[in-house]
């Protein structure tokens, strides 16, 4: 059952990636803003424990 779910999740992710790529080709400004929004969300992820991975997050906000 787990293999089927992984296949579905991979297919959905690939589809979203193709849609995002098509939008990027059609409208580069949208692609740039989307990339900035996604990277801001990814950089906003905090470590689960305080003091966890301080070196990795030291230069992110600087």
PDB file of N, CA and C in Angstrom:
ATOM      1  N   UNK A   1       0.829  -1.202   0.000  1.00  0.00           N
ATOM      2  CA  UNK A   1       0.000   0.000   0.000  1.00  0.00           C
ATOM      3  C   UNK A   1       0.868   1.259   0.000  1.00  0.00           C
ATOM      4  N   UNK A   2       1.971   1.203   0.725  1.00  0.00           N
ATOM      5  CA  UNK A   2       2.851   2.366   0.797  1.00  0.00           C
ATOM      6  C   UNK A   2       3.468   2.720  -0.544  1.00  0.00           C
ATOM      7  N   UNK A   3       3.740   1.686  -1.350  1.00  0.00           N
ATOM      8  CA  UNK A   3       4.350   1.938  -2.657  1.00  0.00           C
ATOM      9  C   UNK A   3       3.372   2.663  -3.580  1.00  0.00           C
ATOM     10  N   UNK A   4       2.089   2.324  -3.482  1.00  0.00           N
ATOM     11  CA  UNK A   4       1.076   3.008  -4.287  1.00  0.00           C
ATOM     12  C   UNK A   4       0.935   4.468  -3.918  1.00  0.00           C
ATOM     13  N   UNK A   5       0.966   4.745  -2.620  1.00  0.00           N
ATOM     14  CA  UNK A   5       0.870   6.144  -2.172  1.00  0.00           C
ATOM     15  C   UNK A   5       2.072   6.942  -2.615  1.00  0.00           C
ATOM     16  N   UNK A   6       3.246   6.335  -2.558  1.00  0.00           N
ATOM     17  CA  UNK A   6       4.456   7.033  -3.002  1.00  0.00           C
ATOM     18  C   UNK A   6       4.385   7.327  -4.496  1.00  0.00           C
ATOM     19  N   UNK A   7       3.832   6.393  -5.270  1.00  0.00           N
ATOM     20  CA  UNK A   7       3.699   6.593  -6.707  1.00  0.00           C
ATOM     21  C   UNK A   7       2.732   7.734  -7.005  1.00  0.00           C
ATOM     22  N   UNK A   8       1.620   7.785  -6.259  1.00  0.00           N
ATOM     23  CA  UNK A   8       0.648   8.858  -6.451  1.00  0.00           C
ATOM     24  C   UNK A   8       1.256  10.205  -6.067  1.00  0.00           C
ATOM     25  N   UNK A   9       1.947  10.244  -4.923  1.00  0.00           N
ATOM     26  CA  UNK A   9       2.568  11.495  -4.484  1.00  0.00           C
ATOM     27  C   UNK A   9       3.624  11.965  -5.480  1.00  0.00           C
ATOM     28  N   UNK A  10       4.385  11.036  -6.009  1.00  0.00           N
ATOM     29  CA  UNK A  10       5.391  11.396  -7.005  1.00  0.00           C
ATOM     30  C   UNK A  10       4.763  11.921  -8.282  1.00  0.00           C
ATOM     31  N   UNK A  11       3.672  11.321  -8.693  1.00  0.00           N
ATOM     32  CA  UNK A  11       2.977  11.778  -9.901  1.00  0.00           C
ATOM     33  C   UNK A  11       2.403  13.179  -9.708  1.00  0.00           C
ATOM     34  N   UNK A  12       1.822  13.417  -8.544  1.00  0.00           N
ATOM     35  CA  UNK A  12       1.271  14.743  -8.259  1.00  0.00           C
ATOM     36  C   UNK A  12       2.389  15.783  -8.234  1.00  0.00           C
ATOM     37  N   UNK A  13       3.499  15.445  -7.580  1.00  0.00           N
ATOM     38  CA  UNK A  13       4.624  16.380  -7.514  1.00  0.00           C
ATOM     39  C   UNK A  13       5.176  16.671  -8.910  1.00  0.00           C
ATOM     40  N   UNK A  14       5.274  15.643  -9.750  1.00  0.00           N
ATOM     41  CA  UNK A  14       5.771  15.845 -11.105  1.00  0.00           C
ATOM     42  C   UNK A  14       4.812  16.721 -11.904  1.00  0.00           C
ATOM     43  N   UNK A  15       3.521  16.494 -11.730  1.00  0.00           N
ATOM     44  CA  UNK A  15       2.531  17.320 -12.419  1.00  0.00           C
ATOM     45  C   UNK A  15       2.623  18.773 -12.010  1.00  0.00           C
ATOM     46  N   UNK A  16       2.755  19.011 -10.709  1.00  0.00           N
ATOM     47  CA  UNK A  16       2.870  20.390 -10.227  1.00  0.00           C
ATOM     48  C   UNK A  16       4.152  21.036 -10.735  1.00  0.00           C
ATOM     49  N   UNK A  17       5.216  20.248 -10.812  1.00  0.00           N
ATOM     50  CA  UNK A  17       6.479  20.779 -11.333  1.00  0.00           C
ATOM     51  C   UNK A  17       6.345  21.158 -12.806  1.00  0.00           C
ATOM     52  N   UNK A  18       5.645  20.336 -13.577  1.00  0.00           N
ATOM     53  CA  UNK A  18       5.436  20.649 -14.993  1.00  0.00           C
ATOM     54  C   UNK A  18       4.571  21.893 -15.167  1.00  0.00           C
ATOM     55  N   UNK A  19       3.537  22.022 -14.340  1.00  0.00           N
ATOM     56  CA  UNK A  19       2.686  23.218 -14.401  1.00  0.00           C
ATOM     57  C   UNK A  19       3.487  24.463 -14.041  1.00  0.00           C
ATOM     58  N   UNK A  20       4.290  24.358 -12.972  1.00  0.00           N
ATOM     59  CA  UNK A  20       5.110  25.499 -12.570  1.00  0.00           C
ATOM     60  C   UNK A  20       6.108  25.864 -13.666  1.00  0.00           C
ATOM     61  N   UNK A  21       6.679  24.854 -14.327  1.00  0.00           N
ATOM     62  CA  UNK A  21       7.609  25.120 -15.424  1.00  0.00           C
ATOM     63  C   UNK A  21       6.925  25.817 -16.595  1.00  0.00           C
ATOM     64  N   UNK A  22       5.708  25.388 -16.901  1.00  0.00           N
ATOM     65  CA  UNK A  22       4.958  26.023 -17.993  1.00  0.00           C
ATOM     66  C   UNK A  22       4.622  27.472 -17.646  1.00  0.00           C
ATOM     67  N   UNK A  23       4.237  27.707 -16.395  1.00  0.00           N
ATOM     68  CA  UNK A  23       3.939  29.081 -15.976  1.00  0.00           C
ATOM     69  C   UNK A  23       5.192  29.944 -16.004  1.00  0.00           C
ATOM     70  N   UNK A  24       6.319  29.349 -15.654  1.00  0.00           N
ATOM     71  CA  UNK A  24       7.579  30.098 -15.669  1.00  0.00           C
ATOM     72  C   UNK A  24       7.936  30.509 -17.089  1.00  0.00           C
ATOM     73  N   UNK A  25       7.719  29.624 -18.056  1.00  0.00           N
ATOM     74  CA  UNK A  25       8.020  29.943 -19.448  1.00  0.00           C
ATOM     75  C   UNK A  25       7.056  31.019 -19.964  1.00  0.00           C
ATOM     76  N   UNK A  26       5.784  30.900 -19.599  1.00  0.00           N
ATOM     77  CA  UNK A  26       4.789  31.857 -20.070  1.00  0.00           C
ATOM     78  C   UNK A  26       4.974  33.237 -19.449  1.00  0.00           C
ATOM     79  N   UNK A  27       5.292  33.267 -18.160  1.00  0.00           N
ATOM     80  CA  UNK A  27       5.356  34.534 -17.433  1.00  0.00           C
ATOM     81  C   UNK A  27       6.542  34.502 -16.462  1.00  0.00           C
ATOM     82  N   UNK A  28       7.706  34.973 -16.885  1.00  0.00           N
ATOM     83  CA  UNK A  28       8.898  34.904 -16.032  1.00  0.00           C
ATOM     84  C   UNK A  28       8.744  35.657 -14.708  1.00  0.00           C
ATOM     85  N   UNK A  29       7.988  36.760 -14.697  1.00  0.00           N
ATOM     86  CA  UNK A  29       7.818  37.504 -13.449  1.00  0.00           C
ATOM     87  C   UNK A  29       7.075  36.673 -12.413  1.00  0.00           C
ATOM     88  N   UNK A  30       6.075  35.920 -12.870  1.00  0.00           N
ATOM     89  CA  UNK A  30       5.360  35.038 -11.962  1.00  0.00           C
ATOM     90  C   UNK A  30       6.290  33.966 -11.410  1.00  0.00           C
ATOM     91  N   UNK A  31       7.145  33.437 -12.278  1.00  0.00           N
ATOM     92  CA  UNK A  31       8.085  32.409 -11.832  1.00  0.00           C
ATOM     93  C   UNK A  31       9.032  32.927 -10.780  1.00  0.00           C
ATOM     94  N   UNK A  32       9.508  34.153 -10.955  1.00  0.00           N
ATOM     95  CA  UNK A  32      10.421  34.742  -9.980  1.00  0.00           C
ATOM     96  C   UNK A  32       9.715  34.952  -8.645  1.00  0.00           C
ATOM     97  N   UNK A  33       8.487  35.470  -8.690  1.00  0.00           N
ATOM     98  CA  UNK A  33       7.763  35.700  -7.441  1.00  0.00           C
ATOM     99  C   UNK A  33       7.426  34.380  -6.757  1.00  0.00           C
ATOM    100  N   UNK A  34       7.090  33.353  -7.554  1.00  0.00           N
ATOM    101  CA  UNK A  34       6.801  32.036  -6.983  1.00  0.00           C
ATOM    102  C   UNK A  34       8.051  31.453  -6.336  1.00  0.00           C
ATOM    103  N   UNK A  35       9.193  31.593  -7.008  1.00  0.00           N
ATOM    104  CA  UNK A  35      10.444  31.088  -6.469  1.00  0.00           C
ATOM    105  C   UNK A  35      10.796  31.796  -5.172  1.00  0.00           C
ATOM    106  N   UNK A  36      10.597  33.098  -5.123  1.00  0.00           N
ATOM    107  CA  UNK A  36      10.878  33.838  -3.896  1.00  0.00           C
ATOM    108  C   UNK A  36       9.960  33.405  -2.758  1.00  0.00           C
ATOM    109  N   UNK A  37       8.677  33.189  -3.059  1.00  0.00           N
ATOM    110  CA  UNK A  37       7.733  32.774  -2.022  1.00  0.00           C
ATOM    111  C   UNK A  37       8.085  31.387  -1.481  1.00  0.00           C
ATOM    112  N   UNK A  38       8.418  30.458  -2.379  1.00  0.00           N
ATOM    113  CA  UNK A  38       8.761  29.103  -1.950  1.00  0.00           C
ATOM    114  C   UNK A  38      10.053  29.110  -1.144  1.00  0.00           C
ATOM    115  N   UNK A  39      11.058  29.860  -1.598  1.00  0.00           N
ATOM    116  CA  UNK A  39      12.320  29.885  -0.870  1.00  0.00           C
ATOM    117  C   UNK A  39      12.153  30.563   0.489  1.00  0.00           C
ATOM    118  N   UNK A  40      11.288  31.575   0.576  1.00  0.00           N
ATOM    119  CA  UNK A  40      11.032  32.210   1.872  1.00  0.00           C
ATOM    120  C   UNK A  40      10.381  31.222   2.829  1.00  0.00           C
ATOM    121  N   UNK A  41       9.456  30.416   2.324  1.00  0.00           N
ATOM    122  CA  UNK A  41       8.814  29.406   3.166  1.00  0.00           C
ATOM    123  C   UNK A  41       9.823  28.361   3.611  1.00  0.00           C
ATOM    124  N   UNK A  42      10.693  27.931   2.706  1.00  0.00           N
ATOM    125  CA  UNK A  42      11.676  26.910   3.054  1.00  0.00           C
ATOM    126  C   UNK A  42      12.679  27.444   4.066  1.00  0.00           C
ATOM    127  N   UNK A  43      13.091  28.701   3.917  1.00  0.00           N
ATOM    128  CA  UNK A  43      14.055  29.268   4.838  1.00  0.00           C
ATOM    129  C   UNK A  43      13.423  29.590   6.189  1.00  0.00           C
ATOM    130  N   UNK A  44      12.099  29.652   6.229  1.00  0.00           N
ATOM    131  CA  UNK A  44      11.410  29.978   7.465  1.00  0.00           C
ATOM    132  C   UNK A  44      11.223  28.760   8.357  1.00  0.00           C
ATOM    133  N   UNK A  45      11.580  27.574   7.875  1.00  0.00           N
ATOM    134  CA  UNK A  45      11.446  26.360   8.681  1.00  0.00           C
ATOM    135  C   UNK A  45      12.426  26.442   9.844  1.00  0.00           C
ATOM    136  N   UNK A  46      11.909  26.219  11.028  1.00  0.00           N
ATOM    137  CA  UNK A  46      12.729  26.293  12.231  1.00  0.00           C
ATOM    138  C   UNK A  46      13.145  24.887  12.676  1.00  0.00           C
ATOM    139  N   UNK A  47      14.274  24.769  13.350  1.00  0.00           N
ATOM    140  CA  UNK A  47      14.646  23.473  13.911  1.00  0.00           C
ATOM    141  C   UNK A  47      13.619  23.035  14.966  1.00  0.00           C
ATOM    142  N   UNK A  48      13.476  21.731  15.130  1.00  0.00           N
ATOM    143  CA  UNK A  48      12.467  21.229  16.056  1.00  0.00           C
ATOM    144  C   UNK A  48      12.842  21.505  17.509  1.00  0.00           C
ATOM    145  N   UNK A  49      14.111  21.512  17.826  1.00  0.00           N
ATOM    146  CA  UNK A  49      14.551  21.774  19.192  1.00  0.00           C
ATOM    147  C   UNK A  49      15.329  23.084  19.245  1.00  0.00           C
ATOM    148  N   UNK A  50      15.161  23.867  20.306  1.00  0.00           N
ATOM    149  CA  UNK A  50      15.981  25.085  20.414  1.00  0.00           C
ATOM    150  C   UNK A  50      17.451  24.706  20.540  1.00  0.00           C
ATOM    151  N   UNK A  51      18.288  25.381  19.794  1.00  0.00           N
ATOM    152  CA  UNK A  51      19.708  25.055  19.811  1.00  0.00           C
ATOM    153  C   UNK A  51      20.070  23.952  18.831  1.00  0.00           C
ATOM    154  N   UNK A  52      19.099  23.460  18.089  1.00  0.00           N
ATOM    155  CA  UNK A  52      19.334  22.411  17.108  1.00  0.00           C
ATOM    156  C   UNK A  52      19.877  23.047  15.822  1.00  0.00           C
ATOM    157  N   UNK A  53      20.989  22.571  15.330  1.00  0.00           N
ATOM    158  CA  UNK A  53      21.599  23.055  14.083  1.00  0.00           C
ATOM    159  C   UNK A  53      21.795  24.579  14.039  1.00  0.00           C
ATOM    160  N   UNK A  54      22.440  25.170  15.020  1.00  0.00           N
ATOM    161  CA  UNK A  54      22.596  26.626  15.004  1.00  0.00           C
ATOM    162  C   UNK A  54      23.510  27.116  13.885  1.00  0.00           C
ATOM    163  N   UNK A  55      24.492  26.319  13.498  1.00  0.00           N
ATOM    164  CA  UNK A  55      25.436  26.746  12.471  1.00  0.00           C
ATOM    165  C   UNK A  55      24.733  26.818  11.122  1.00  0.00           C
ATOM    166  N   UNK A  56      23.832  25.879  10.859  1.00  0.00           N
ATOM    167  CA  UNK A  56      23.139  25.840   9.579  1.00  0.00           C
ATOM    168  C   UNK A  56      22.246  27.064   9.392  1.00  0.00           C
ATOM    169  N   UNK A  57      21.635  27.537  10.458  1.00  0.00           N
ATOM    170  CA  UNK A  57      20.704  28.648  10.360  1.00  0.00           C
ATOM    171  C   UNK A  57      21.361  30.005  10.645  1.00  0.00           C
ATOM    172  N   UNK A  58      22.650  30.011  10.941  1.00  0.00           N
ATOM    173  CA  UNK A  58      23.306  31.265  11.305  1.00  0.00           C
ATOM    174  C   UNK A  58      23.363  32.238  10.131  1.00  0.00           C
ATOM    175  N   UNK A  59      23.671  31.740   8.934  1.00  0.00           N
ATOM    176  CA  UNK A  59      23.837  32.629   7.794  1.00  0.00           C
ATOM    177  C   UNK A  59      22.578  32.846   6.978  1.00  0.00           C
ATOM    178  N   UNK A  60      21.472  32.216   7.351  1.00  0.00           N
ATOM    179  CA  UNK A  60      20.267  32.297   6.523  1.00  0.00           C
ATOM    180  C   UNK A  60      19.654  33.682   6.592  1.00  0.00           C
ATOM    181  N   UNK A  61      19.537  34.239   7.777  1.00  0.00           N
ATOM    182  CA  UNK A  61      18.869  35.523   7.949  1.00  0.00           C
ATOM    183  C   UNK A  61      19.817  36.704   7.777  1.00  0.00           C
ATOM    184  N   UNK A  62      21.129  36.463   7.909  1.00  0.00           N
ATOM    185  CA  UNK A  62      22.127  37.518   7.870  1.00  0.00           C
ATOM    186  C   UNK A  62      22.063  38.357   6.656  1.00  0.00           C
TER     187      UNK A  62
END
